[in-house]
Amino acid sequence: MFGVTKSVGDGFAGFLSIFNMGGRFVWSSTSDYTGRKNVYFIYFLFGALLYCLVLGLSFVAFFYICDLGFRRSIETTVNEASRSNLEISASMARKSRLQLV
């Protein structure tokens, strides 16, 4: 359905579980040293920071994609206009040569 094989999906799920396990060890060890409330506060700030980062990156990516589409449409329009102007110029040159003969 998404163009990836089953083994790629299995590997990705394996990586997720490994990092999930590692994160649990890190946060629980940090909680042992600093206290549960401090870890929740750090976790909340870290989550908010990552959320804002993802939101900002998606905003930038959206405008980058829109800008690329706008530039391509302008380039296509300019190319078509110059091509049609060349065709008109060529046809006018042919007509003027026919009239001279």
N, C-alpha and C. Protein backbone atom coordinates (compact mmCIF):
# COMPACT_ATOMS: atom_id res chain seq x y z
N MET A 1 0.82 -1.20 0.00
CA MET A 1 0.00 0.00 0.00
C MET A 1 0.86 1.26 0.00
N PHE A 2 1.95 1.27 0.76
CA PHE A 2 2.80 2.45 0.84
C PHE A 2 4.11 2.29 0.09
N GLY A 3 4.31 1.20 -0.60
CA GLY A 3 5.49 1.00 -1.41
C GLY A 3 6.72 0.54 -0.64
N VAL A 4 6.56 0.01 0.56
CA VAL A 4 7.69 -0.53 1.31
C VAL A 4 7.42 -2.01 1.59
N THR A 5 8.50 -2.74 1.75
CA THR A 5 8.34 -4.17 2.02
C THR A 5 8.05 -4.42 3.49
N LYS A 6 7.65 -5.63 3.77
CA LYS A 6 7.34 -6.02 5.14
C LYS A 6 8.58 -5.95 6.03
N SER A 7 9.73 -6.30 5.49
CA SER A 7 10.95 -6.29 6.31
C SER A 7 11.35 -4.86 6.69
N VAL A 8 11.10 -3.88 5.80
CA VAL A 8 11.38 -2.48 6.14
C VAL A 8 10.46 -2.02 7.26
N GLY A 9 9.20 -2.40 7.19
CA GLY A 9 8.25 -2.05 8.25
C GLY A 9 8.62 -2.70 9.57
N ASP A 10 9.06 -3.96 9.50
CA ASP A 10 9.49 -4.66 10.72
C ASP A 10 10.72 -3.99 11.33
N GLY A 11 11.67 -3.60 10.48
CA GLY A 11 12.87 -2.92 10.98
C GLY A 11 12.54 -1.59 11.62
N PHE A 12 11.62 -0.84 11.01
CA PHE A 12 11.22 0.45 11.57
C PHE A 12 10.54 0.26 12.93
N ALA A 13 9.67 -0.73 13.02
CA ALA A 13 9.02 -1.01 14.31
C ALA A 13 10.05 -1.44 15.36
N GLY A 14 11.06 -2.18 14.93
CA GLY A 14 12.13 -2.56 15.85
C GLY A 14 12.90 -1.36 16.37
N PHE A 15 13.24 -0.43 15.46
CA PHE A 15 13.93 0.78 15.90
C PHE A 15 13.08 1.60 16.86
N LEU A 16 11.78 1.70 16.57
CA LEU A 16 10.89 2.43 17.48
C LEU A 16 10.89 1.81 18.86
N SER A 17 10.83 0.49 18.93
CA SER A 17 10.79 -0.17 20.24
C SER A 17 12.11 -0.02 20.99
N ILE A 18 13.24 -0.05 20.25
CA ILE A 18 14.53 0.14 20.91
C ILE A 18 14.65 1.54 21.49
N PHE A 19 14.28 2.56 20.71
CA PHE A 19 14.36 3.92 21.22
C PHE A 19 13.34 4.18 22.32
N ASN A 20 12.19 3.52 22.25
CA ASN A 20 11.20 3.63 23.32
C ASN A 20 11.77 3.07 24.62
N MET A 21 12.41 1.92 24.53
CA MET A 21 13.00 1.31 25.71
C MET A 21 14.13 2.19 26.27
N GLY A 22 14.97 2.71 25.39
CA GLY A 22 16.06 3.59 25.83
C GLY A 22 15.54 4.85 26.50
N GLY A 23 14.49 5.43 25.93
CA GLY A 23 13.90 6.62 26.53
C GLY A 23 13.32 6.37 27.91
N ARG A 24 12.73 5.21 28.07
CA ARG A 24 12.19 4.86 29.39
C ARG A 24 13.30 4.76 30.44
N PHE A 25 14.43 4.17 30.05
CA PHE A 25 15.56 4.09 30.99
C PHE A 25 16.11 5.48 31.31
N VAL A 26 16.23 6.33 30.30
CA VAL A 26 16.78 7.68 30.51
C VAL A 26 15.85 8.49 31.41
N TRP A 27 14.55 8.50 31.11
CA TRP A 27 13.63 9.31 31.91
C TRP A 27 13.49 8.77 33.33
N SER A 28 13.49 7.45 33.48
CA SER A 28 13.36 6.91 34.84
C SER A 28 14.63 7.18 35.66
N SER A 29 15.79 7.09 35.03
CA SER A 29 17.03 7.41 35.75
C SER A 29 17.09 8.88 36.12
N THR A 30 16.65 9.74 35.21
CA THR A 30 16.61 11.17 35.51
C THR A 30 15.62 11.46 36.62
N SER A 31 14.51 10.74 36.62
CA SER A 31 13.51 10.92 37.67
C SER A 31 14.04 10.49 39.03
N ASP A 32 14.88 9.48 39.07
CA ASP A 32 15.46 9.05 40.34
C ASP A 32 16.37 10.13 40.93
N TYR A 33 17.06 10.86 40.09
CA TYR A 33 17.99 11.88 40.59
C TYR A 33 17.33 13.23 40.85
N THR A 34 16.38 13.64 40.02
CA THR A 34 15.83 14.99 40.15
C THR A 34 14.44 15.03 40.76
N GLY A 35 13.73 13.95 40.75
CA GLY A 35 12.37 13.93 41.26
C GLY A 35 11.36 13.91 40.12
N ARG A 36 10.21 13.35 40.44
CA ARG A 36 9.19 13.15 39.41
C ARG A 36 8.64 14.47 38.87
N LYS A 37 8.38 15.44 39.75
CA LYS A 37 7.81 16.71 39.29
C LYS A 37 8.76 17.44 38.34
N ASN A 38 10.05 17.42 38.65
CA ASN A 38 11.02 18.08 37.78
C ASN A 38 11.10 17.39 36.42
N VAL A 39 11.03 16.07 36.41
CA VAL A 39 11.08 15.35 35.14
C VAL A 39 9.84 15.64 34.32
N TYR A 40 8.67 15.70 34.95
CA TYR A 40 7.46 16.05 34.21
C TYR A 40 7.56 17.46 33.63
N PHE A 41 8.13 18.37 34.40
CA PHE A 41 8.29 19.74 33.92
C PHE A 41 9.25 19.78 32.72
N ILE A 42 10.38 19.09 32.83
CA ILE A 42 11.34 19.03 31.72
C ILE A 42 10.69 18.36 30.50
N TYR A 43 9.97 17.28 30.75
CA TYR A 43 9.30 16.56 29.67
C TYR A 43 8.28 17.45 28.98
N PHE A 44 7.54 18.23 29.76
CA PHE A 44 6.56 19.16 29.21
C PHE A 44 7.24 20.22 28.36
N LEU A 45 8.32 20.83 28.87
CA LEU A 45 9.03 21.86 28.11
C LEU A 45 9.64 21.29 26.83
N PHE A 46 10.25 20.11 26.97
CA PHE A 46 10.86 19.47 25.81
C PHE A 46 9.81 19.15 24.75
N GLY A 47 8.67 18.65 25.17
CA GLY A 47 7.58 18.35 24.23
C GLY A 47 7.04 19.59 23.55
N ALA A 48 6.88 20.68 24.32
CA ALA A 48 6.40 21.93 23.74
C ALA A 48 7.41 22.49 22.74
N LEU A 49 8.69 22.39 23.07
CA LEU A 49 9.74 22.87 22.17
C LEU A 49 9.73 22.07 20.86
N LEU A 50 9.65 20.76 20.97
CA LEU A 50 9.61 19.93 19.76
C LEU A 50 8.35 20.17 18.95
N TYR A 51 7.22 20.39 19.62
CA TYR A 51 5.98 20.67 18.91
C TYR A 51 6.11 21.97 18.12
N CYS A 52 6.66 23.00 18.75
CA CYS A 52 6.85 24.28 18.05
C CYS A 52 7.85 24.14 16.90
N LEU A 53 8.88 23.33 17.11
CA LEU A 53 9.87 23.12 16.06
C LEU A 53 9.24 22.42 14.86
N VAL A 54 8.46 21.40 15.10
CA VAL A 54 7.80 20.69 13.99
C VAL A 54 6.80 21.61 13.30
N LEU A 55 6.07 22.39 14.07
CA LEU A 55 5.11 23.31 13.49
C LEU A 55 5.81 24.35 12.63
N GLY A 56 6.93 24.89 13.12
CA GLY A 56 7.68 25.88 12.35
C GLY A 56 8.28 25.28 11.10
N LEU A 57 8.82 24.08 11.20
CA LEU A 57 9.41 23.44 10.02
C LEU A 57 8.35 23.11 8.98
N SER A 58 7.17 22.69 9.42
CA SER A 58 6.12 22.38 8.46
C SER A 58 5.63 23.67 7.80
N PHE A 59 5.61 24.78 8.54
CA PHE A 59 5.22 26.07 7.99
C PHE A 59 6.21 26.49 6.91
N VAL A 60 7.51 26.36 7.19
CA VAL A 60 8.54 26.71 6.22
C VAL A 60 8.47 25.80 5.00
N ALA A 61 8.28 24.51 5.24
CA ALA A 61 8.19 23.56 4.13
C ALA A 61 6.98 23.85 3.26
N PHE A 62 5.86 24.24 3.87
CA PHE A 62 4.66 24.57 3.10
C PHE A 62 4.92 25.74 2.17
N PHE A 63 5.54 26.80 2.68
CA PHE A 63 5.80 27.96 1.83
C PHE A 63 6.89 27.68 0.81
N TYR A 64 7.84 26.82 1.13
CA TYR A 64 8.86 26.44 0.16
C TYR A 64 8.22 25.69 -1.00
N ILE A 65 7.32 24.76 -0.70
CA ILE A 65 6.64 24.00 -1.75
C ILE A 65 5.76 24.91 -2.58
N CYS A 66 5.04 25.83 -1.92
CA CYS A 66 4.19 26.76 -2.66
C CYS A 66 5.04 27.67 -3.55
N ASP A 67 6.19 28.11 -3.04
CA ASP A 67 7.06 28.98 -3.82
C ASP A 67 7.60 28.24 -5.04
N LEU A 68 7.98 26.97 -4.87
CA LEU A 68 8.46 26.19 -6.01
C LEU A 68 7.37 26.05 -7.06
N GLY A 69 6.15 25.78 -6.63
CA GLY A 69 5.05 25.66 -7.57
C GLY A 69 4.77 26.96 -8.29
N PHE A 70 4.86 28.08 -7.57
CA PHE A 70 4.64 29.39 -8.18
C PHE A 70 5.72 29.69 -9.20
N ARG A 71 6.98 29.39 -8.84
CA ARG A 71 8.08 29.65 -9.78
C ARG A 71 7.97 28.77 -11.01
N ARG A 72 7.59 27.52 -10.83
CA ARG A 72 7.44 26.64 -11.99
C ARG A 72 6.32 27.11 -12.90
N SER A 73 5.23 27.59 -12.32
CA SER A 73 4.13 28.05 -13.16
C SER A 73 4.54 29.31 -13.92
N ILE A 74 5.32 30.19 -13.28
CA ILE A 74 5.78 31.39 -13.98
C ILE A 74 6.76 31.01 -15.09
N GLU A 75 7.69 30.08 -14.79
CA GLU A 75 8.65 29.64 -15.81
C GLU A 75 7.92 29.00 -16.99
N THR A 76 6.92 28.20 -16.71
CA THR A 76 6.16 27.58 -17.78
C THR A 76 5.44 28.62 -18.61
N THR A 77 4.84 29.61 -17.96
CA THR A 77 4.13 30.66 -18.68
C THR A 77 5.09 31.47 -19.54
N VAL A 78 6.25 31.82 -18.99
CA VAL A 78 7.24 32.59 -19.74
C VAL A 78 7.76 31.77 -20.91
N ASN A 79 8.05 30.51 -20.69
CA ASN A 79 8.54 29.65 -21.78
C ASN A 79 7.50 29.50 -22.88
N GLU A 80 6.25 29.31 -22.50
CA GLU A 80 5.19 29.18 -23.50
C GLU A 80 5.00 30.48 -24.26
N ALA A 81 5.08 31.60 -23.55
CA ALA A 81 4.92 32.90 -24.22
C ALA A 81 6.06 33.15 -25.19
N SER A 82 7.29 32.86 -24.77
CA SER A 82 8.41 33.10 -25.68
C SER A 82 8.36 32.14 -26.86
N ARG A 83 7.93 30.89 -26.63
CA ARG A 83 7.80 29.93 -27.72
C ARG A 83 6.73 30.38 -28.71
N SER A 84 5.60 30.87 -28.20
CA SER A 84 4.55 31.31 -29.11
C SER A 84 4.96 32.59 -29.84
N ASN A 85 5.73 33.47 -29.17
CA ASN A 85 6.22 34.67 -29.86
C ASN A 85 7.18 34.30 -30.97
N LEU A 86 8.03 33.30 -30.74
CA LEU A 86 8.94 32.85 -31.79
C LEU A 86 8.19 32.25 -32.96
N GLU A 87 7.13 31.50 -32.65
CA GLU A 87 6.33 30.91 -33.72
C GLU A 87 5.62 31.99 -34.52
N ILE A 88 5.10 33.00 -33.84
CA ILE A 88 4.44 34.11 -34.54
C ILE A 88 5.44 34.86 -35.39
N SER A 89 6.64 35.12 -34.84
CA SER A 89 7.68 35.82 -35.60
C SER A 89 8.09 35.01 -36.82
N ALA A 90 8.22 33.72 -36.68
CA ALA A 90 8.61 32.88 -37.81
C ALA A 90 7.53 32.86 -38.88
N SER A 91 6.27 32.79 -38.46
CA SER A 91 5.20 32.78 -39.45
C SER A 91 5.08 34.13 -40.15
N MET A 92 5.33 35.22 -39.42
CA MET A 92 5.30 36.54 -40.05
C MET A 92 6.45 36.70 -41.04
N ALA A 93 7.60 36.13 -40.69
CA ALA A 93 8.74 36.19 -41.61
C ALA A 93 8.45 35.40 -42.87
N ARG A 94 7.82 34.24 -42.74
CA ARG A 94 7.45 33.46 -43.92
C ARG A 94 6.47 34.21 -44.80
N LYS A 95 5.48 34.86 -44.16
CA LYS A 95 4.48 35.61 -44.94
C LYS A 95 5.13 36.78 -45.68
N SER A 96 6.05 37.47 -44.99
CA SER A 96 6.70 38.61 -45.66
C SER A 96 7.58 38.15 -46.80
N ARG A 97 8.23 37.00 -46.68
CA ARG A 97 9.04 36.47 -47.79
C ARG A 97 8.15 36.09 -48.96
N LEU A 98 6.97 35.54 -48.66
CA LEU A 98 6.04 35.17 -49.74
C LEU A 98 5.53 36.40 -50.46
N GLN A 99 5.31 37.48 -49.73
CA GLN A 99 4.80 38.68 -50.35
C GLN A 99 5.87 39.35 -51.23
N LEU A 100 7.14 39.20 -50.85
CA LEU A 100 8.21 39.81 -51.65
C LEU A 100 8.42 39.08 -52.96
N VAL A 101 8.11 37.80 -52.99
CA VAL A 101 8.34 37.02 -54.21
C VAL A 101 7.26 37.22 -55.18
